[in-house]
Each structure stands twice: as structure tokens, then as C-alpha cells.
Amino acid sequence: MKKKLGLLILFLLVAAPAEAACLSQGQARQVVASGQAKSLGSVRGQAGGEIVKAQLCKQGGRYVYRLQVLVNGKVRTKVVNASR
């Protein structure tokens, strides 16, 4: 039983994505202005729909946009690389 529990915990740790630390609007502006991350406009084409909400986050040592995108009447979450 302990072995199965240990394997389950290991699987969850490996399968779980790294937590994203999202930036405030001011922090996001500074990161984009400094050239560390792409602007939202430059990744808009990768959204695959109408962006209704966007957050710039640092995840796993890189910047990503966490986007809420309207696709076929449904809002979906999409993560897009924003690092330069």
C-alpha cells in the first residue's frame, strides 16, 4: 500500500505543471518594456480566438501569458510563451 501511495504522489508531482506567479499590470509593463517578455499584441495571433482576459506570469523560469479566450462561444484557458 505504501509503495502505491508513493508512486501516486510521485506521479502527481511530475504531472503537475509548475505554478505560475502572475505579475501585476505595472510589473508586466516593466517586464515587457525591458524586453524580457513579448507584448500581448505580438502573441495575439497564437490565441486562436478573442482574448477576453490576459495575465503575464512567470512559470518555470520563463514568461507566459495565461489567456482567457472566447472560442465558439466558450471561454477557454490558453497558455502562450511570452519569453524572448
C-alpha atoms as a PDB file:
ATOM      1  CA  MET A   1       0.000   0.000   0.000  1.00  0.00           C
ATOM      2  CA  LYS A   2       2.805   2.421   0.896  1.00  0.00           C
ATOM      3  CA  LYS A   3       4.505   1.728  -2.440  1.00  0.00           C
ATOM      4  CA  LYS A   4       1.304   2.542  -4.384  1.00  0.00           C
ATOM      5  CA  LEU A   5       0.799   5.745  -2.387  1.00  0.00           C
ATOM      6  CA  GLY A   6       4.404   6.764  -3.014  1.00  0.00           C
ATOM      7  CA  LEU A   7       4.030   6.148  -6.753  1.00  0.00           C
ATOM      8  CA  LEU A   8       0.812   8.169  -6.826  1.00  0.00           C
ATOM      9  CA  ILE A   9       2.483  11.115  -5.079  1.00  0.00           C
ATOM     10  CA  LEU A  10       5.461  10.915  -7.431  1.00  0.00           C
ATOM     11  CA  PHE A  11       3.130  10.855 -10.443  1.00  0.00           C
ATOM     12  CA  LEU A  12       1.226  13.906  -9.185  1.00  0.00           C
ATOM     13  CA  LEU A  13       4.453  15.837  -8.620  1.00  0.00           C
ATOM     14  CA  VAL A  14       5.751  15.037 -12.102  1.00  0.00           C
ATOM     15  CA  ALA A  15       2.417  15.561 -13.874  1.00  0.00           C
ATOM     16  CA  ALA A  16       1.538  18.838 -12.143  1.00  0.00           C
ATOM     17  CA  PRO A  17       2.657  21.914 -14.086  1.00  0.00           C
ATOM     18  CA  ALA A  18       4.906  24.405 -12.358  1.00  0.00           C
ATOM     19  CA  GLU A  19       2.882  27.030 -10.559  1.00  0.00           C
ATOM     20  CA  ALA A  20       2.705  30.355 -12.319  1.00  0.00           C
ATOM     21  CA  ALA A  21       3.370  33.590 -10.430  1.00  0.00           C
ATOM     22  CA  CYS A  22       1.331  36.225 -12.234  1.00  0.00           C
ATOM     23  CA  LEU A  23       2.535  39.815 -12.346  1.00  0.00           C
ATOM     24  CA  SER A  24       0.630  42.990 -11.571  1.00  0.00           C
ATOM     25  CA  GLN A  25      -0.142  45.284 -14.508  1.00  0.00           C
ATOM     26  CA  GLY A  26       2.719  47.580 -13.501  1.00  0.00           C
ATOM     27  CA  GLN A  27       5.184  44.715 -13.213  1.00  0.00           C
ATOM     28  CA  ALA A  28       4.032  43.327 -16.574  1.00  0.00           C
ATOM     29  CA  ARG A  29       4.576  46.720 -18.254  1.00  0.00           C
ATOM     30  CA  GLN A  30       8.111  46.891 -16.830  1.00  0.00           C
ATOM     31  CA  VAL A  31       8.986  43.349 -17.954  1.00  0.00           C
ATOM     32  CA  VAL A  32       7.690  43.994 -21.491  1.00  0.00           C
ATOM     33  CA  ALA A  33       9.365  47.440 -21.667  1.00  0.00           C
ATOM     34  CA  SER A  34      12.693  45.916 -20.586  1.00  0.00           C
ATOM     35  CA  GLY A  35      12.474  43.351 -23.402  1.00  0.00           C
ATOM     36  CA  GLN A  36      12.294  40.310 -21.120  1.00  0.00           C
ATOM     37  CA  ALA A  37       8.836  39.370 -22.418  1.00  0.00           C
ATOM     38  CA  LYS A  38       6.891  39.862 -25.641  1.00  0.00           C
ATOM     39  CA  SER A  39       3.966  42.252 -25.757  1.00  0.00           C
ATOM     40  CA  LEU A  40       0.447  40.875 -25.729  1.00  0.00           C
ATOM     41  CA  GLY A  41      -0.080  42.267 -29.222  1.00  0.00           C
ATOM     42  CA  SER A  42       2.823  40.226 -30.579  1.00  0.00           C
ATOM     43  CA  VAL A  43       1.343  36.915 -29.355  1.00  0.00           C
ATOM     44  CA  ARG A  44      -2.315  37.752 -30.095  1.00  0.00           C
ATOM     45  CA  GLY A  45      -2.274  35.587 -33.242  1.00  0.00           C
ATOM     46  CA  GLN A  46      -1.483  32.491 -31.159  1.00  0.00           C
ATOM     47  CA  ALA A  47      -4.636  32.877 -29.056  1.00  0.00           C
ATOM     48  CA  GLY A  48      -6.940  31.154 -31.537  1.00  0.00           C
ATOM     49  CA  GLY A  49      -9.884  33.365 -30.651  1.00  0.00           C
ATOM     50  CA  GLU A  50     -10.924  36.599 -28.983  1.00  0.00           C
ATOM     51  CA  ILE A  51      -8.869  37.340 -25.853  1.00  0.00           C
ATOM     52  CA  VAL A  52     -11.170  38.336 -23.011  1.00  0.00           C
ATOM     53  CA  LYS A  53      -8.538  38.340 -20.236  1.00  0.00           C
ATOM     54  CA  ALA A  54      -4.744  38.149 -20.185  1.00  0.00           C
ATOM     55  CA  GLN A  55      -2.172  37.857 -17.417  1.00  0.00           C
ATOM     56  CA  LEU A  56       1.602  37.838 -17.786  1.00  0.00           C
ATOM     57  CA  CYS A  57       3.062  35.221 -15.466  1.00  0.00           C
ATOM     58  CA  LYS A  58       6.443  33.696 -14.670  1.00  0.00           C
ATOM     59  CA  GLN A  59       6.286  29.921 -14.869  1.00  0.00           C
ATOM     60  CA  GLY A  60       9.181  27.501 -14.769  1.00  0.00           C
ATOM     61  CA  GLY A  61      11.758  30.269 -15.267  1.00  0.00           C
ATOM     62  CA  ARG A  62      10.062  31.770 -18.330  1.00  0.00           C
ATOM     63  CA  TYR A  63       7.318  34.265 -19.018  1.00  0.00           C
ATOM     64  CA  VAL A  64       3.938  33.113 -20.304  1.00  0.00           C
ATOM     65  CA  TYR A  65       0.598  34.729 -20.983  1.00  0.00           C
ATOM     66  CA  ARG A  66      -2.357  32.980 -19.353  1.00  0.00           C
ATOM     67  CA  LEU A  67      -5.177  33.889 -21.702  1.00  0.00           C
ATOM     68  CA  GLN A  68      -8.918  33.521 -21.374  1.00  0.00           C
ATOM     69  CA  VAL A  69     -10.015  33.127 -24.996  1.00  0.00           C
ATOM     70  CA  LEU A  70     -13.532  33.085 -26.447  1.00  0.00           C
ATOM     71  CA  VAL A  71     -13.730  30.227 -28.970  1.00  0.00           C
ATOM     72  CA  ASN A  72     -17.046  29.130 -30.497  1.00  0.00           C
ATOM     73  CA  GLY A  73     -18.990  30.777 -27.684  1.00  0.00           C
ATOM     74  CA  LYS A  74     -16.952  29.167 -24.891  1.00  0.00           C
ATOM     75  CA  VAL A  75     -14.177  30.672 -22.805  1.00  0.00           C
ATOM     76  CA  ARG A  76     -11.047  28.537 -22.745  1.00  0.00           C
ATOM     77  CA  THR A  77      -7.717  28.998 -20.977  1.00  0.00           C
ATOM     78  CA  LYS A  78      -4.625  29.020 -23.156  1.00  0.00           C
ATOM     79  CA  VAL A  79      -1.004  29.456 -22.092  1.00  0.00           C
ATOM     80  CA  VAL A  80       1.300  31.127 -24.631  1.00  0.00           C
ATOM     81  CA  ASN A  81       5.075  31.565 -24.384  1.00  0.00           C
ATOM     82  CA  ALA A  82       5.982  35.220 -23.857  1.00  0.00           C
ATOM     83  CA  SER A  83       9.728  34.920 -23.219  1.00  0.00           C
ATOM     84  CA  ARG A  84      12.173  36.483 -25.639  1.00  0.00           C
END
